[in-house]
């Protein structure tokens, strides 16, 4: 199957208008207190976005979220590594979830589709119009970063952080914080691209842990590996043994007007 010809992007829908609306809403949000009516309406918009995400991703199945930079090209070694990670995760029975954009995100989704696995994206609407990559079975557009990050966390049994920038670090440390504080179960957090992450791990261990701002156990939670087969096998083993993950899928209920994103 050619993922591009079966992509949800075939409709050619542009996100330009959405980006402008999101930018205006963001500017108002950051301007401080608004009228009570405006803030109530903003709350409704955020709630609506959450409900849309819940309904769209309800049947995604057990996911593994892959974080990483949008800036790596197809020829970059990290792109190739992410593609292999996506492939092995799909072979292990997981749906590969990403932020839905280019670079590492595209590579992981592409790897899943290489082996006819399931691939979903949580795309953020940005002023420079990040478009969903063409290797997604389904995707959801989000205006609010905090709701997007909720969706990336909610449906996943593990998280793989590939090399990336501020966004990747934001996502990685949010998950690490949720696990550290007990707000999320101890799902595996994998750092793939060991050479890239080594300076950060040294800082966490030699500075932050040494100063007592975090525990050495917080650093030891990270799994560091550049072996896609090992990453997928470890995640699958933890999902089964620690969290009781078994094969099976939620089925749509017609009275909820639900629809599965997967072909029967």
C-alpha atoms as a PDB file:
ATOM      1  CA  UNK A   1       0.000   0.000   0.000  1.00  0.00           C
ATOM      2  CA  UNK A   2       1.279   3.445  -0.849  1.00  0.00           C
ATOM      3  CA  UNK A   3       0.758   5.502   2.280  1.00  0.00           C
ATOM      4  CA  UNK A   4       0.730   8.752   0.351  1.00  0.00           C
ATOM      5  CA  UNK A   5      -2.158   7.808  -1.910  1.00  0.00           C
ATOM      6  CA  UNK A   6      -4.168   6.601   1.084  1.00  0.00           C
ATOM      7  CA  UNK A   7      -3.334   9.591   3.220  1.00  0.00           C
ATOM      8  CA  UNK A   8      -6.057  11.631   4.958  1.00  0.00           C
ATOM      9  CA  UNK A   9      -4.427  14.630   3.329  1.00  0.00           C
ATOM     10  CA  UNK A  10      -5.787  13.682  -0.050  1.00  0.00           C
ATOM     11  CA  UNK A  11      -8.612  16.161   0.436  1.00  0.00           C
ATOM     12  CA  UNK A  12      -6.081  18.986   0.137  1.00  0.00           C
ATOM     13  CA  UNK A  13      -7.547  20.824   3.117  1.00  0.00           C
ATOM     14  CA  UNK A  14      -5.453  23.831   4.085  1.00  0.00           C
ATOM     15  CA  UNK A  15      -4.762  24.776   7.681  1.00  0.00           C
ATOM     16  CA  UNK A  16      -3.972  28.430   6.884  1.00  0.00           C
ATOM     17  CA  UNK A  17      -7.242  29.821   8.237  1.00  0.00           C
ATOM     18  CA  UNK A  18      -6.983  27.652  11.339  1.00  0.00           C
ATOM     19  CA  UNK A  19      -3.482  28.954  11.993  1.00  0.00           C
ATOM     20  CA  UNK A  20      -4.657  32.574  11.857  1.00  0.00           C
ATOM     21  CA  UNK A  21      -7.571  31.837  14.216  1.00  0.00           C
ATOM     22  CA  UNK A  22      -5.239  29.965  16.596  1.00  0.00           C
ATOM     23  CA  UNK A  23      -2.762  32.862  16.608  1.00  0.00           C
ATOM     24  CA  UNK A  24      -5.482  35.397  17.448  1.00  0.00           C
ATOM     25  CA  UNK A  25      -6.849  33.160  20.228  1.00  0.00           C
ATOM     26  CA  UNK A  26      -3.349  32.633  21.617  1.00  0.00           C
ATOM     27  CA  UNK A  27      -2.654  36.385  21.670  1.00  0.00           C
ATOM     28  CA  UNK A  28      -5.861  37.015  23.589  1.00  0.00           C
ATOM     29  CA  UNK A  29      -5.082  34.174  26.017  1.00  0.00           C
ATOM     30  CA  UNK A  30      -1.642  35.604  26.824  1.00  0.00           C
ATOM     31  CA  UNK A  31      -2.985  39.144  27.258  1.00  0.00           C
ATOM     32  CA  UNK A  32      -4.153  38.388  30.800  1.00  0.00           C
ATOM     33  CA  UNK A  33      -7.705  38.462  32.174  1.00  0.00           C
ATOM     34  CA  UNK A  34     -10.439  38.907  29.582  1.00  0.00           C
ATOM     35  CA  UNK A  35     -14.144  39.477  30.018  1.00  0.00           C
ATOM     36  CA  UNK A  36     -15.898  36.619  31.810  1.00  0.00           C
ATOM     37  CA  UNK A  37     -17.873  35.804  28.694  1.00  0.00           C
ATOM     38  CA  UNK A  38     -14.744  35.632  26.550  1.00  0.00           C
ATOM     39  CA  UNK A  39     -12.986  33.404  29.076  1.00  0.00           C
ATOM     40  CA  UNK A  40     -16.041  31.150  29.318  1.00  0.00           C
ATOM     41  CA  UNK A  41     -16.113  30.814  25.536  1.00  0.00           C
ATOM     42  CA  UNK A  42     -12.398  30.028  25.487  1.00  0.00           C
ATOM     43  CA  UNK A  43     -13.028  27.301  28.059  1.00  0.00           C
ATOM     44  CA  UNK A  44     -15.752  25.852  25.840  1.00  0.00           C
ATOM     45  CA  UNK A  45     -13.401  25.861  22.839  1.00  0.00           C
ATOM     46  CA  UNK A  46     -10.726  24.035  24.824  1.00  0.00           C
ATOM     47  CA  UNK A  47     -13.291  21.524  26.103  1.00  0.00           C
ATOM     48  CA  UNK A  48     -14.611  20.966  22.592  1.00  0.00           C
ATOM     49  CA  UNK A  49     -11.067  20.329  21.360  1.00  0.00           C
ATOM     50  CA  UNK A  50     -10.591  17.723  24.092  1.00  0.00           C
ATOM     51  CA  UNK A  51     -13.840  15.952  23.218  1.00  0.00           C
ATOM     52  CA  UNK A  52     -12.938  15.890  19.517  1.00  0.00           C
ATOM     53  CA  UNK A  53      -9.575  14.376  20.422  1.00  0.00           C
ATOM     54  CA  UNK A  54     -11.148  11.779  22.726  1.00  0.00           C
ATOM     55  CA  UNK A  55     -13.651  10.698  20.092  1.00  0.00           C
ATOM     56  CA  UNK A  56     -11.127  10.602  17.261  1.00  0.00           C
ATOM     57  CA  UNK A  57      -8.500   8.644  19.196  1.00  0.00           C
ATOM     58  CA  UNK A  58     -10.761   6.376  21.250  1.00  0.00           C
ATOM     59  CA  UNK A  59     -10.110   3.475  18.888  1.00  0.00           C
ATOM     60  CA  UNK A  60      -6.437   4.136  18.309  1.00  0.00           C
ATOM     61  CA  UNK A  61      -5.539   1.018  20.269  1.00  0.00           C
ATOM     62  CA  UNK A  62      -2.518   0.693  22.579  1.00  0.00           C
ATOM     63  CA  UNK A  63      -0.100   3.368  21.398  1.00  0.00           C
ATOM     64  CA  UNK A  64       3.542   4.230  21.800  1.00  0.00           C
ATOM     65  CA  UNK A  65       4.274   7.920  21.348  1.00  0.00           C
ATOM     66  CA  UNK A  66       7.440   8.935  19.526  1.00  0.00           C
ATOM     67  CA  UNK A  67       8.757  12.462  20.122  1.00  0.00           C
ATOM     68  CA  UNK A  68      11.390  14.141  17.977  1.00  0.00           C
ATOM     69  CA  UNK A  69      12.450  17.056  15.811  1.00  0.00           C
ATOM     70  CA  UNK A  70      10.554  18.151  12.720  1.00  0.00           C
ATOM     71  CA  UNK A  71      13.813  19.354  11.143  1.00  0.00           C
ATOM     72  CA  UNK A  72      15.573  16.146  10.127  1.00  0.00           C
ATOM     73  CA  UNK A  73      15.461  15.187   6.446  1.00  0.00           C
ATOM     74  CA  UNK A  74      14.893  11.740   5.014  1.00  0.00           C
ATOM     75  CA  UNK A  75      18.637  11.189   4.556  1.00  0.00           C
ATOM     76  CA  UNK A  76      19.556  11.924   8.191  1.00  0.00           C
ATOM     77  CA  UNK A  77      20.620   8.956  10.381  1.00  0.00           C
ATOM     78  CA  UNK A  78      18.106   9.941  13.066  1.00  0.00           C
ATOM     79  CA  UNK A  79      15.285   9.862  10.501  1.00  0.00           C
ATOM     80  CA  UNK A  80      16.352   6.355   9.529  1.00  0.00           C
ATOM     81  CA  UNK A  81      16.544   5.293  13.165  1.00  0.00           C
ATOM     82  CA  UNK A  82      13.073   6.686  13.891  1.00  0.00           C
ATOM     83  CA  UNK A  83      11.671   4.896  10.856  1.00  0.00           C
ATOM     84  CA  UNK A  84      13.092   1.609  12.100  1.00  0.00           C
ATOM     85  CA  UNK A  85      11.727   2.270  15.596  1.00  0.00           C
ATOM     86  CA  UNK A  86       8.257   2.890  14.131  1.00  0.00           C
ATOM     87  CA  UNK A  87       8.483  -0.322  12.130  1.00  0.00           C
ATOM     88  CA  UNK A  88       9.409  -2.498  15.115  1.00  0.00           C
ATOM     89  CA  UNK A  89       6.796  -0.897  17.364  1.00  0.00           C
ATOM     90  CA  UNK A  90       4.130  -1.670  14.768  1.00  0.00           C
ATOM     91  CA  UNK A  91       5.364  -5.251  14.432  1.00  0.00           C
ATOM     92  CA  UNK A  92       5.051  -5.563  18.215  1.00  0.00           C
ATOM     93  CA  UNK A  93       1.365  -4.661  17.899  1.00  0.00           C
ATOM     94  CA  UNK A  94       1.410  -1.005  18.922  1.00  0.00           C
ATOM     95  CA  UNK A  95      -0.124   1.959  17.161  1.00  0.00           C
ATOM     96  CA  UNK A  96       2.599   4.516  16.492  1.00  0.00           C
ATOM     97  CA  UNK A  97       1.525   7.956  17.680  1.00  0.00           C
ATOM     98  CA  UNK A  98       3.449  11.154  16.958  1.00  0.00           C
ATOM     99  CA  UNK A  99       2.926  14.892  16.775  1.00  0.00           C
ATOM    100  CA  UNK A 100       1.958  14.249  13.161  1.00  0.00           C
ATOM    101  CA  UNK A 101       4.475  16.575  11.515  1.00  0.00           C
ATOM    102  CA  UNK A 102       7.594  16.086   9.379  1.00  0.00           C
ATOM    103  CA  UNK A 103      11.081  14.919  10.362  1.00  0.00           C
ATOM    104  CA  UNK A 104      11.275  12.341  13.157  1.00  0.00           C
ATOM    105  CA  UNK A 105       7.492  12.280  13.452  1.00  0.00           C
ATOM    106  CA  UNK A 106       7.083  11.452   9.779  1.00  0.00           C
ATOM    107  CA  UNK A 107       9.816   8.816   9.995  1.00  0.00           C
ATOM    108  CA  UNK A 108       8.155   6.958  12.887  1.00  0.00           C
ATOM    109  CA  UNK A 109       4.740   7.042  11.213  1.00  0.00           C
ATOM    110  CA  UNK A 110       6.314   5.956   7.951  1.00  0.00           C
ATOM    111  CA  UNK A 111       8.010   3.005   9.624  1.00  0.00           C
ATOM    112  CA  UNK A 112       4.658   1.819  10.957  1.00  0.00           C
ATOM    113  CA  UNK A 113       3.096   2.033   7.501  1.00  0.00           C
ATOM    114  CA  UNK A 114       6.078   0.192   5.967  1.00  0.00           C
ATOM    115  CA  UNK A 115       4.827  -2.936   7.752  1.00  0.00           C
ATOM    116  CA  UNK A 116       1.106  -2.083   7.412  1.00  0.00           C
ATOM    117  CA  UNK A 117       0.870  -1.058  11.054  1.00  0.00           C
ATOM    118  CA  UNK A 118      -1.334   1.622  12.550  1.00  0.00           C
ATOM    119  CA  UNK A 119      -0.209   5.227  12.541  1.00  0.00           C
ATOM    120  CA  UNK A 120      -1.837   8.304  14.111  1.00  0.00           C
ATOM    121  CA  UNK A 121      -0.866  11.934  14.612  1.00  0.00           C
ATOM    122  CA  UNK A 122      -1.749  14.808  16.938  1.00  0.00           C
ATOM    123  CA  UNK A 123      -0.950  17.802  14.783  1.00  0.00           C
ATOM    124  CA  UNK A 124      -0.518  21.287  16.212  1.00  0.00           C
ATOM    125  CA  UNK A 125      -1.736  24.266  14.214  1.00  0.00           C
ATOM    126  CA  UNK A 126       1.129  26.749  13.997  1.00  0.00           C
ATOM    127  CA  UNK A 127       1.542  30.135  12.266  1.00  0.00           C
ATOM    128  CA  UNK A 128       3.957  28.555   9.787  1.00  0.00           C
ATOM    129  CA  UNK A 129       1.417  25.830   9.077  1.00  0.00           C
ATOM    130  CA  UNK A 130       2.860  22.530  10.204  1.00  0.00           C
ATOM    131  CA  UNK A 131       1.039  20.056   8.004  1.00  0.00           C
ATOM    132  CA  UNK A 132       0.281  16.444   8.928  1.00  0.00           C
ATOM    133  CA  UNK A 133       2.702  14.044   7.290  1.00  0.00           C
ATOM    134  CA  UNK A 134       1.410  11.670   4.590  1.00  0.00           C
ATOM    135  CA  UNK A 135       1.896   8.462   6.595  1.00  0.00           C
ATOM    136  CA  UNK A 136      -1.053   8.806   8.959  1.00  0.00           C
ATOM    137  CA  UNK A 137      -4.171   6.650   9.062  1.00  0.00           C
ATOM    138  CA  UNK A 138      -5.868   9.395  11.005  1.00  0.00           C
ATOM    139  CA  UNK A 139      -4.933  12.651  12.732  1.00  0.00           C
ATOM    140  CA  UNK A 140      -6.401  15.392  14.879  1.00  0.00           C
ATOM    141  CA  UNK A 141      -5.594  19.105  14.594  1.00  0.00           C
ATOM    142  CA  UNK A 142      -5.111  20.980  17.871  1.00  0.00           C
ATOM    143  CA  UNK A 143      -4.904  24.701  18.604  1.00  0.00           C
ATOM    144  CA  UNK A 144      -3.818  24.273  22.221  1.00  0.00           C
ATOM    145  CA  UNK A 145      -0.476  22.668  23.040  1.00  0.00           C
ATOM    146  CA  UNK A 146      -1.647  21.472  26.456  1.00  0.00           C
ATOM    147  CA  UNK A 147      -4.524  19.499  24.941  1.00  0.00           C
ATOM    148  CA  UNK A 148      -2.265  18.030  22.284  1.00  0.00           C
ATOM    149  CA  UNK A 149       0.186  16.886  24.970  1.00  0.00           C
ATOM    150  CA  UNK A 150      -2.700  15.357  26.903  1.00  0.00           C
ATOM    151  CA  UNK A 151      -3.628  13.241  23.883  1.00  0.00           C
ATOM    152  CA  UNK A 152      -0.025  12.198  23.240  1.00  0.00           C
ATOM    153  CA  UNK A 153       0.130  10.932  26.836  1.00  0.00           C
ATOM    154  CA  UNK A 154      -3.368   9.527  27.364  1.00  0.00           C
ATOM    155  CA  UNK A 155      -3.302   6.631  24.909  1.00  0.00           C
ATOM    156  CA  UNK A 156       0.298   5.445  25.219  1.00  0.00           C
ATOM    157  CA  UNK A 157       1.967   2.628  27.109  1.00  0.00           C
ATOM    158  CA  UNK A 158       5.463   3.999  26.474  1.00  0.00           C
ATOM    159  CA  UNK A 159       7.305   7.029  25.114  1.00  0.00           C
ATOM    160  CA  UNK A 160      10.307   7.144  22.810  1.00  0.00           C
ATOM    161  CA  UNK A 161      12.195  10.438  22.699  1.00  0.00           C
ATOM    162  CA  UNK A 162      14.323  10.871  19.597  1.00  0.00           C
ATOM    163  CA  UNK A 163      16.704  13.838  19.159  1.00  0.00           C
ATOM    164  CA  UNK A 164      14.807  17.116  19.020  1.00  0.00           C
ATOM    165  CA  UNK A 165      14.508  20.707  20.162  1.00  0.00           C
ATOM    166  CA  UNK A 166      12.505  22.679  22.718  1.00  0.00           C
ATOM    167  CA  UNK A 167       9.246  20.908  21.872  1.00  0.00           C
ATOM    168  CA  UNK A 168      10.792  17.474  22.291  1.00  0.00           C
ATOM    169  CA  UNK A 169      12.360  18.455  25.629  1.00  0.00           C
ATOM    170  CA  UNK A 170       9.048  19.920  26.771  1.00  0.00           C
ATOM    171  CA  UNK A 171       7.219  16.685  25.941  1.00  0.00           C
ATOM    172  CA  UNK A 172       9.928  14.456  27.398  1.00  0.00           C
ATOM    173  CA  UNK A 173      10.184  16.282  30.717  1.00  0.00           C
ATOM    174  CA  UNK A 174       6.429  16.592  31.094  1.00  0.00           C
ATOM    175  CA  UNK A 175       6.135  12.798  30.877  1.00  0.00           C
ATOM    176  CA  UNK A 176       9.121  12.399  33.234  1.00  0.00           C
ATOM    177  CA  UNK A 177       7.484  14.795  35.709  1.00  0.00           C
ATOM    178  CA  UNK A 178       4.150  12.962  35.584  1.00  0.00           C
ATOM    179  CA  UNK A 179       5.880   9.657  36.286  1.00  0.00           C
ATOM    180  CA  UNK A 180       8.096  11.177  38.995  1.00  0.00           C
ATOM    181  CA  UNK A 181       5.107  12.685  40.839  1.00  0.00           C
ATOM    182  CA  UNK A 182       2.924   9.591  40.496  1.00  0.00           C
ATOM    183  CA  UNK A 183       0.395  11.330  38.255  1.00  0.00           C
ATOM    184  CA  UNK A 184       1.175   8.724  35.601  1.00  0.00           C
ATOM    185  CA  UNK A 185       2.165   5.088  35.977  1.00  0.00           C
ATOM    186  CA  UNK A 186       5.788   4.150  35.381  1.00  0.00           C
ATOM    187  CA  UNK A 187       5.484   3.668  31.648  1.00  0.00           C
ATOM    188  CA  UNK A 188       8.825   3.159  29.878  1.00  0.00           C
ATOM    189  CA  UNK A 189      10.581   6.316  28.697  1.00  0.00           C
ATOM    190  CA  UNK A 190      13.158   5.492  26.033  1.00  0.00           C
ATOM    191  CA  UNK A 191      15.882   7.835  24.816  1.00  0.00           C
ATOM    192  CA  UNK A 192      16.894   6.776  21.307  1.00  0.00           C
ATOM    193  CA  UNK A 193      19.960   8.428  19.808  1.00  0.00           C
ATOM    194  CA  UNK A 194      22.280   7.825  22.748  1.00  0.00           C
ATOM    195  CA  UNK A 195      25.054  10.146  21.588  1.00  0.00           C
ATOM    196  CA  UNK A 196      22.619  13.059  21.330  1.00  0.00           C
ATOM    197  CA  UNK A 197      21.227  12.480  24.826  1.00  0.00           C
ATOM    198  CA  UNK A 198      24.512  11.734  26.627  1.00  0.00           C
ATOM    199  CA  UNK A 199      25.363  15.385  27.567  1.00  0.00           C
ATOM    200  CA  UNK A 200      21.860  15.883  28.959  1.00  0.00           C
ATOM    201  CA  UNK A 201      22.045  12.659  30.977  1.00  0.00           C
ATOM    202  CA  UNK A 202      25.417  13.746  32.349  1.00  0.00           C
ATOM    203  CA  UNK A 203      23.890  17.071  33.410  1.00  0.00           C
ATOM    204  CA  UNK A 204      20.928  15.347  35.068  1.00  0.00           C
ATOM    205  CA  UNK A 205      23.195  12.970  36.945  1.00  0.00           C
ATOM    206  CA  UNK A 206      26.238  15.136  37.711  1.00  0.00           C
ATOM    207  CA  UNK A 207      24.494  18.428  38.406  1.00  0.00           C
ATOM    208  CA  UNK A 208      20.794  18.051  39.173  1.00  0.00           C
ATOM    209  CA  UNK A 209      20.969  14.739  41.049  1.00  0.00           C
ATOM    210  CA  UNK A 210      24.209  15.799  42.742  1.00  0.00           C
ATOM    211  CA  UNK A 211      22.540  19.009  43.949  1.00  0.00           C
ATOM    212  CA  UNK A 212      19.513  17.054  45.148  1.00  0.00           C
ATOM    213  CA  UNK A 213      16.981  18.724  42.853  1.00  0.00           C
ATOM    214  CA  UNK A 214      16.089  15.284  41.467  1.00  0.00           C
ATOM    215  CA  UNK A 215      16.791  11.748  42.593  1.00  0.00           C
ATOM    216  CA  UNK A 216      19.260   9.444  40.845  1.00  0.00           C
ATOM    217  CA  UNK A 217      16.263   7.114  40.428  1.00  0.00           C
ATOM    218  CA  UNK A 218      14.658   9.761  38.206  1.00  0.00           C
ATOM    219  CA  UNK A 219      17.632   9.471  35.845  1.00  0.00           C
ATOM    220  CA  UNK A 220      17.764   5.696  36.059  1.00  0.00           C
ATOM    221  CA  UNK A 221      14.171   5.475  34.824  1.00  0.00           C
ATOM    222  CA  UNK A 222      15.290   6.380  31.309  1.00  0.00           C
ATOM    223  CA  UNK A 223      16.031   3.498  28.962  1.00  0.00           C
ATOM    224  CA  UNK A 224      18.839   4.417  26.568  1.00  0.00           C
ATOM    225  CA  UNK A 225      19.069   2.394  23.379  1.00  0.00           C
ATOM    226  CA  UNK A 226      19.699   2.733  19.647  1.00  0.00           C
ATOM    227  CA  UNK A 227      18.411  -0.786  18.929  1.00  0.00           C
ATOM    228  CA  UNK A 228      14.843  -0.582  17.537  1.00  0.00           C
ATOM    229  CA  UNK A 229      14.223  -4.293  18.071  1.00  0.00           C
ATOM    230  CA  UNK A 230      15.304  -4.055  21.723  1.00  0.00           C
ATOM    231  CA  UNK A 231      13.193  -0.911  22.246  1.00  0.00           C
ATOM    232  CA  UNK A 232      10.040  -2.550  20.890  1.00  0.00           C
ATOM    233  CA  UNK A 233      10.611  -5.814  22.760  1.00  0.00           C
ATOM    234  CA  UNK A 234      11.254  -4.032  26.073  1.00  0.00           C
ATOM    235  CA  UNK A 235       8.145  -1.881  25.725  1.00  0.00           C
ATOM    236  CA  UNK A 236       5.995  -4.888  24.810  1.00  0.00           C
ATOM    237  CA  UNK A 237       7.347  -6.882  27.750  1.00  0.00           C
ATOM    238  CA  UNK A 238       6.650  -4.092  30.249  1.00  0.00           C
ATOM    239  CA  UNK A 239       3.181  -3.462  28.783  1.00  0.00           C
ATOM    240  CA  UNK A 240       2.222  -7.117  29.191  1.00  0.00           C
ATOM    241  CA  UNK A 241       3.862  -7.942  32.523  1.00  0.00           C
ATOM    242  CA  UNK A 242       3.416  -4.695  34.448  1.00  0.00           C
ATOM    243  CA  UNK A 243       0.251  -3.267  32.937  1.00  0.00           C
ATOM    244  CA  UNK A 244      -1.589  -6.375  31.792  1.00  0.00           C
ATOM    245  CA  UNK A 245      -1.920  -5.300  28.180  1.00  0.00           C
ATOM    246  CA  UNK A 246      -3.697  -7.941  26.095  1.00  0.00           C
ATOM    247  CA  UNK A 247      -4.813  -8.066  22.485  1.00  0.00           C
ATOM    248  CA  UNK A 248      -8.240  -6.637  21.827  1.00  0.00           C
ATOM    249  CA  UNK A 249      -9.853  -3.454  20.563  1.00  0.00           C
ATOM    250  CA  UNK A 250     -12.692  -1.174  21.538  1.00  0.00           C
ATOM    251  CA  UNK A 251     -15.587  -1.457  19.138  1.00  0.00           C
ATOM    252  CA  UNK A 252     -17.551   1.568  17.909  1.00  0.00           C
ATOM    253  CA  UNK A 253     -21.072   2.042  19.241  1.00  0.00           C
ATOM    254  CA  UNK A 254     -23.492   3.278  16.635  1.00  0.00           C
ATOM    255  CA  UNK A 255     -25.657   5.070  19.212  1.00  0.00           C
ATOM    256  CA  UNK A 256     -22.661   7.275  20.046  1.00  0.00           C
ATOM    257  CA  UNK A 257     -22.183   8.001  16.330  1.00  0.00           C
ATOM    258  CA  UNK A 258     -18.735   6.420  16.646  1.00  0.00           C
ATOM    259  CA  UNK A 259     -16.559   5.269  13.806  1.00  0.00           C
ATOM    260  CA  UNK A 260     -13.332   3.314  13.817  1.00  0.00           C
ATOM    261  CA  UNK A 261     -10.416   4.886  11.889  1.00  0.00           C
ATOM    262  CA  UNK A 262      -9.251   1.451  10.774  1.00  0.00           C
ATOM    263  CA  UNK A 263     -10.437  -0.490   7.776  1.00  0.00           C
ATOM    264  CA  UNK A 264     -12.280  -3.685   8.700  1.00  0.00           C
END
